[in-house]
Structures are given as C-alpha cells and as structure tokens.
C-alpha atoms as a PDB file:
ATOM      1  CA  MET A   1      -1.767  -4.814   9.867  1.00  0.00           C
ATOM      2  CA  LEU A   2       2.348  -5.732  10.258  1.00  0.00           C
ATOM      3  CA  GLU A   3       1.242  -9.334  10.520  1.00  0.00           C
ATOM      4  CA  ARG A   4      -0.661  -9.340   7.243  1.00  0.00           C
ATOM      5  CA  CYS A   5       2.286  -7.492   5.500  1.00  0.00           C
ATOM      6  CA  LYS A   6       4.723  -9.993   6.671  1.00  0.00           C
ATOM      7  CA  SER A   7       2.175 -13.051   5.681  1.00  0.00           C
ATOM      8  CA  ALA A   8       1.791 -11.562   2.034  1.00  0.00           C
ATOM      9  CA  LYS A   9       5.684 -11.372   1.787  1.00  0.00           C
ATOM     10  CA  GLU A  10       5.428 -14.995   3.184  1.00  0.00           C
ATOM     11  CA  ARG A  11       3.076 -15.871   0.159  1.00  0.00           C
ATOM     12  CA  TRP A  12       4.114 -14.167  -2.690  1.00  0.00           C
ATOM     13  CA  GLY A  13       8.164 -12.980  -1.854  1.00  0.00           C
ATOM     14  CA  GLY A  14      10.363 -14.111  -4.591  1.00  0.00           C
ATOM     15  CA  VAL A  15       7.333 -14.519  -7.258  1.00  0.00           C
ATOM     16  CA  SER A  16       8.322 -11.390  -9.156  1.00  0.00           C
ATOM     17  CA  GLU A  17      10.641  -8.529  -8.462  1.00  0.00           C
ATOM     18  CA  ILE A  18       8.082  -6.136  -8.898  1.00  0.00           C
ATOM     19  CA  ILE A  19       5.811  -7.548  -6.096  1.00  0.00           C
ATOM     20  CA  ASP A  20       8.172  -8.278  -3.879  1.00  0.00           C
ATOM     21  CA  ARG A  21       9.724  -4.401  -3.938  1.00  0.00           C
ATOM     22  CA  TRP A  22       6.146  -3.259  -3.516  1.00  0.00           C
ATOM     23  CA  LEU A  23       6.262  -5.477  -0.469  1.00  0.00           C
ATOM     24  CA  ASN A  24       8.963  -4.099   0.954  1.00  0.00           C
ATOM     25  CA  GLU A  25       7.499  -0.765   0.612  1.00  0.00           C
ATOM     26  CA  ARG A  26       4.267  -1.812   1.954  1.00  0.00           C
ATOM     27  CA  GLN A  27       6.163  -2.866   5.110  1.00  0.00           C
ATOM     28  CA  GLN A  28       8.017   0.536   5.503  1.00  0.00           C
ATOM     29  CA  LEU A  29       4.351   2.293   5.175  1.00  0.00           C
ATOM     30  CA  ILE A  30       3.502   0.525   7.946  1.00  0.00           C
ATOM     31  CA  VAL A  31       6.143   0.601   9.779  1.00  0.00           C
ATOM     32  CA  LEU A  32       6.183   4.633   9.310  1.00  0.00           C
ATOM     33  CA  TYR A  33       2.204   4.205  10.086  1.00  0.00           C
ATOM     34  CA  CYS A  34       2.814   2.680  13.719  1.00  0.00           C
ATOM     35  CA  ASP A  35       5.650   5.168  14.149  1.00  0.00           C
ATOM     36  CA  ILE A  36       3.723   8.020  13.774  1.00  0.00           C
ATOM     37  CA  ASN A  37       0.605   6.763  15.763  1.00  0.00           C
ATOM     38  CA  GLY A  38       3.205   6.193  18.569  1.00  0.00           C
ATOM     39  CA  ILE A  39       2.520   2.036  18.639  1.00  0.00           C
ATOM     40  CA  HIS A  40       5.076   0.675  21.008  1.00  0.00           C
ATOM     41  CA  GLY A  41       7.779  -0.921  19.300  1.00  0.00           C
ATOM     42  CA  PHE A  42       8.099   1.160  15.817  1.00  0.00           C
ATOM     43  CA  ARG A  43       9.401   4.069  17.298  1.00  0.00           C
ATOM     44  CA  GLU A  44      11.890   5.624  15.139  1.00  0.00           C
ATOM     45  CA  SER A  45      13.477   8.146  17.646  1.00  0.00           C
ATOM     46  CA  GLU A  46      12.061  10.701  19.755  1.00  0.00           C
ATOM     47  CA  SER A  47      14.477  13.087  18.620  1.00  0.00           C
ATOM     48  CA  THR A  48      12.986  12.839  15.257  1.00  0.00           C
ATOM     49  CA  PRO A  49      10.579  15.634  14.782  1.00  0.00           C
ATOM     50  CA  THR A  50       6.867  14.578  14.036  1.00  0.00           C
ATOM     51  CA  PRO A  51       6.531  16.672  10.881  1.00  0.00           C
ATOM     52  CA  VAL A  52       9.686  14.972   9.561  1.00  0.00           C
ATOM     53  CA  ARG A  53       8.295  11.519  10.229  1.00  0.00           C
ATOM     54  CA  ILE A  54       5.067  12.622   8.905  1.00  0.00           C
ATOM     55  CA  GLN A  55       6.497  13.800   5.462  1.00  0.00           C
ATOM     56  CA  ARG A  56       8.645  10.531   5.300  1.00  0.00           C
ATOM     57  CA  PHE A  57       5.077   8.812   5.747  1.00  0.00           C
ATOM     58  CA  CYS A  58       4.008  10.525   3.070  1.00  0.00           C
ATOM     59  CA  GLN A  59       6.512   9.746   0.680  1.00  0.00           C
ATOM     60  CA  ILE A  60       6.097   6.100   1.506  1.00  0.00           C
ATOM     61  CA  LEU A  61       2.514   6.330   0.716  1.00  0.00           C
ATOM     62  CA  LEU A  62       2.892   8.325  -2.293  1.00  0.00           C
ATOM     63  CA  ASP A  63       5.836   5.648  -3.937  1.00  0.00           C
ATOM     64  CA  TYR A  64       3.544   2.574  -2.817  1.00  0.00           C
ATOM     65  CA  THR A  65       0.423   3.882  -4.450  1.00  0.00           C
ATOM     66  CA  SER A  66       2.139   4.737  -7.644  1.00  0.00           C
ATOM     67  CA  ALA A  67       3.946   1.486  -7.418  1.00  0.00           C
ATOM     68  CA  GLY A  68       0.419  -0.277  -7.352  1.00  0.00           C
ATOM     69  CA  HIS A  69      -0.972   1.931  -9.997  1.00  0.00           C
ATOM     70  CA  PHE A  70       2.255   1.460 -12.455  1.00  0.00           C
ATOM     71  CA  GLU A  71       3.850  -1.688 -12.028  1.00  0.00           C
ATOM     72  CA  VAL A  72       1.776  -3.899  -9.826  1.00  0.00           C
ATOM     73  CA  TYR A  73      -1.647  -3.619 -11.227  1.00  0.00           C
ATOM     74  CA  GLU A  74      -0.291  -3.331 -14.740  1.00  0.00           C
ATOM     75  CA  GLN A  75       1.685  -6.522 -14.482  1.00  0.00           C
ATOM     76  CA  LEU A  76      -1.204  -8.216 -12.963  1.00  0.00           C
ATOM     77  CA  ALA A  77      -3.614  -6.964 -15.818  1.00  0.00           C
ATOM     78  CA  ALA A  78      -1.169  -8.010 -18.495  1.00  0.00           C
ATOM     79  CA  GLU A  79      -0.881 -11.763 -17.177  1.00  0.00           C
ATOM     80  CA  ALA A  80      -4.554 -11.934 -17.352  1.00  0.00           C
ATOM     81  CA  ARG A  81      -4.597 -10.866 -20.820  1.00  0.00           C
ATOM     82  CA  GLU A  82      -1.852 -13.170 -21.502  1.00  0.00           C
ATOM     83  CA  PHE A  83      -3.694 -15.980 -20.084  1.00  0.00           C
ATOM     84  CA  ASN A  84      -7.096 -14.902 -21.369  1.00  0.00           C
ATOM     85  CA  ASP A  85      -8.181 -15.015 -17.946  1.00  0.00           C
ATOM     86  CA  ASP A  86     -11.314 -13.079 -17.930  1.00  0.00           C
ATOM     87  CA  ALA A  87     -12.428 -14.041 -14.397  1.00  0.00           C
ATOM     88  CA  GLY A  88      -9.284 -12.495 -13.187  1.00  0.00           C
ATOM     89  CA  ILE A  89      -9.596  -9.507 -15.452  1.00  0.00           C
ATOM     90  CA  GLU A  90     -13.622  -9.183 -14.100  1.00  0.00           C
ATOM     91  CA  LEU A  91     -11.964  -9.197 -10.403  1.00  0.00           C
ATOM     92  CA  LEU A  92      -9.368  -6.438 -11.635  1.00  0.00           C
ATOM     93  CA  GLU A  93     -12.355  -4.514 -13.158  1.00  0.00           C
ATOM     94  CA  ARG A  94     -14.438  -4.686 -10.102  1.00  0.00           C
ATOM     95  CA  ILE A  95     -11.497  -4.265  -7.436  1.00  0.00           C
ATOM     96  CA  TYR A  96      -9.739  -1.345  -9.271  1.00  0.00           C
ATOM     97  CA  PRO A  97     -12.492   1.293  -8.579  1.00  0.00           C
ATOM     98  CA  ARG A  98     -12.162   1.205  -5.223  1.00  0.00           C
ATOM     99  CA  ILE A  99      -8.214   1.064  -5.224  1.00  0.00           C
ATOM    100  CA  GLU A 100      -8.558   3.976  -7.169  1.00  0.00           C
ATOM    101  CA  GLN A 101     -10.724   5.760  -4.657  1.00  0.00           C
ATOM    102  CA  ILE A 102      -8.471   4.982  -1.942  1.00  0.00           C
ATOM    103  CA  THR A 103      -5.539   6.251  -3.824  1.00  0.00           C
ATOM    104  CA  ALA A 104      -7.218   9.879  -3.849  1.00  0.00           C
ATOM    105  CA  ILE A 105      -7.492   9.599  -0.136  1.00  0.00           C
ATOM    106  CA  CYS A 106      -3.701   8.936   0.198  1.00  0.00           C
ATOM    107  CA  VAL A 107      -2.878  11.790  -2.162  1.00  0.00           C
ATOM    108  CA  ALA A 108      -5.544  14.194  -0.092  1.00  0.00           C
ATOM    109  CA  PHE A 109      -3.418  13.101   3.102  1.00  0.00           C
ATOM    110  CA  ASN A 110      -0.110  13.618   1.378  1.00  0.00           C
ATOM    111  CA  ASP A 111      -1.393  17.070  -0.098  1.00  0.00           C
ATOM    112  CA  ARG A 112      -2.664  18.076   2.984  1.00  0.00           C
ATOM    113  CA  TYR A 113       0.743  17.118   5.297  1.00  0.00           C
ATOM    114  CA  ASP A 114       3.084  17.606   2.974  1.00  0.00           C
ATOM    115  CA  THR A 115       5.295  20.178   4.813  1.00  0.00           C
ATOM    116  CA  ALA A 116       6.428  20.932   8.127  1.00  0.00           C
ATOM    117  CA  GLU A 117       4.036  24.030   8.249  1.00  0.00           C
ATOM    118  CA  HIS A 118       1.088  21.985   6.934  1.00  0.00           C
ATOM    119  CA  CYS A 119       1.634  19.424   9.692  1.00  0.00           C
ATOM    120  CA  GLU A 120       1.876  22.108  12.263  1.00  0.00           C
ATOM    121  CA  GLN A 121      -1.022  23.937  11.310  1.00  0.00           C
ATOM    122  CA  LEU A 122      -3.050  20.249  11.353  1.00  0.00           C
ATOM    123  CA  ALA A 123      -1.692  18.968  14.073  1.00  0.00           C
ATOM    124  CA  SER A 124      -5.239  18.922  15.833  1.00  0.00           C
ATOM    125  CA  ASP A 125      -6.872  16.908  12.802  1.00  0.00           C
ATOM    126  CA  LEU A 126      -3.946  14.468  12.575  1.00  0.00           C
ATOM    127  CA  ALA A 127      -5.074  12.000  14.951  1.00  0.00           C
ATOM    128  CA  GLY A 128      -8.058  11.480  13.318  1.00  0.00           C
ATOM    129  CA  GLU A 129      -6.650  11.614   9.934  1.00  0.00           C
ATOM    130  CA  LEU A 130      -4.259   9.097  10.481  1.00  0.00           C
ATOM    131  CA  SER A 131      -7.047   6.890  11.693  1.00  0.00           C
ATOM    132  CA  ARG A 132      -8.940   7.376   8.561  1.00  0.00           C
ATOM    133  CA  ILE A 133      -5.723   6.435   6.670  1.00  0.00           C
ATOM    134  CA  GLY A 134      -4.726   3.367   8.537  1.00  0.00           C
ATOM    135  CA  GLU A 135      -8.443   2.249   7.792  1.00  0.00           C
ATOM    136  CA  VAL A 136      -8.466   2.368   4.148  1.00  0.00           C
ATOM    137  CA  LEU A 137      -4.829   1.047   3.960  1.00  0.00           C
ATOM    138  CA  GLU A 138      -5.949  -1.625   5.577  1.00  0.00           C
ATOM    139  CA  GLU A 139      -8.879  -2.133   3.226  1.00  0.00           C
ATOM    140  CA  ARG A 140      -6.025  -1.370   0.299  1.00  0.00           C
ATOM    141  CA  PHE A 141      -3.982  -4.197   1.362  1.00  0.00           C
ATOM    142  CA  SER A 142      -6.869  -6.575   1.485  1.00  0.00           C
ATOM    143  CA  LEU A 143      -7.682  -5.603  -1.886  1.00  0.00           C
ATOM    144  CA  GLU A 144      -4.302  -6.171  -3.306  1.00  0.00           C
ATOM    145  CA  ASP A 145      -4.112  -9.427  -1.933  1.00  0.00           C
ATOM    146  CA  GLN A 146      -6.851 -10.636  -3.162  1.00  0.00           C
ATOM    147  CA  LEU A 147      -5.598  -9.660  -6.731  1.00  0.00           C
ATOM    148  CA  ILE A 148      -2.086 -11.240  -6.232  1.00  0.00           C
ATOM    149  CA  GLU A 149      -3.591 -13.974  -4.739  1.00  0.00           C
ATOM    150  CA  THR A 150      -6.292 -14.531  -7.693  1.00  0.00           C
ATOM    151  CA  LEU A 151      -4.327 -13.130 -10.614  1.00  0.00           C
ATOM    152  CA  HIS A 152      -0.503 -13.893 -10.075  1.00  0.00           C
ATOM    153  CA  ASP A 153      -0.750 -17.183  -8.565  1.00  0.00           C
ATOM    154  CA  ALA A 154      -3.191 -18.774 -10.969  1.00  0.00           C
ATOM    155  CA  HIS A 155      -1.140 -17.455 -13.550  1.00  0.00           C
ATOM    156  CA  ARG A 156       1.982 -18.852 -12.018  1.00  0.00           C
ATOM    157  CA  GLU A 157       0.424 -22.392 -11.907  1.00  0.00           C
ATOM    158  CA  LEU A 158       0.041 -22.263 -15.375  1.00  0.00           C
ATOM    159  CA  VAL A 159       3.129 -21.356 -16.410  1.00  0.00           C
ATOM    160  CA  ALA A 160       4.388 -24.479 -14.238  1.00  0.00           C
ATOM    161  CA  SER A 161       2.301 -26.749 -16.184  1.00  0.00           C
END
C-alpha cells in the first residue's frame, strides 16, 4: 500500500496543489494504518496509547475521504466538463458510486472508534475491522488513481497542446 502511494506521488506530485496535499494525506493515512497494525518500521511510539493512535488514524481517514469528495473529485469533474470529456465523465460516474460506498465504510469505522472509550470497548473487534478497512482503502486508492490518471493527465496534455 505504501509503495503504491509513493508511486502515485511520483506520477502526479506537483501537478496540482490539491492533489499533492491529498496524496500527502494518503501517505499519512497509510503510515498510521501500518502503525496501528504494528507493521514493523512504522511504529510511532510504544508510549503512545493505542486509542490515541486509532483516533489519529480516524481523523486523517475522515480528512482524506472528505478532501477526495469535496476537492479532488470536484476538480476532476470540472476538468472533464471543461474539456467536454464524455469518456472521463462516464468513468467518474461509473467509479464514484463505489467510492461513496467505501466512504460510508470509513465513516462507520470512525463512528465506532471515535473515542478512547469506544476503542477499549471494541478492542476485540479491532483486528478484523482494520483488515476490512485496509482492503477497502486499497480498493479506493486504486479507483482514485484511475480517475487521476485518466482525467487529470488527459486534460493536462490537452492544456499543454
């Protein structure tokens, strides 16, 4: 997941300030996800309680998903309309409903783990829910990368011509 994020930043970094900021949030989200899962090399600090790390993850998760919906996708849709890109609009219309479903999963995860008390009460469910959120985030990143690659890159080439 982290390697894929680095690749996305290399391909699209610098193209748009909004996309750059969004991809930085994606990287933060992945690092926090790895930290919570205890993946070696990404541990923040043993002294940071797990509920605090989960809440930090939830905040970045919501920030990232919100930026996608209210900034990035809007920009990509506006570009598609501006360039009369019917194929791009069709792609956005085809992919966006699944992204919305994934957003609902992310919001539900946040709602379940939004306080230290909830984290402690649901500790036995955390591993399974983290696995699920990791899977849907991986899918979301892939869908988002398709949108950026297809819409933004195509339009950037039209502007350069």
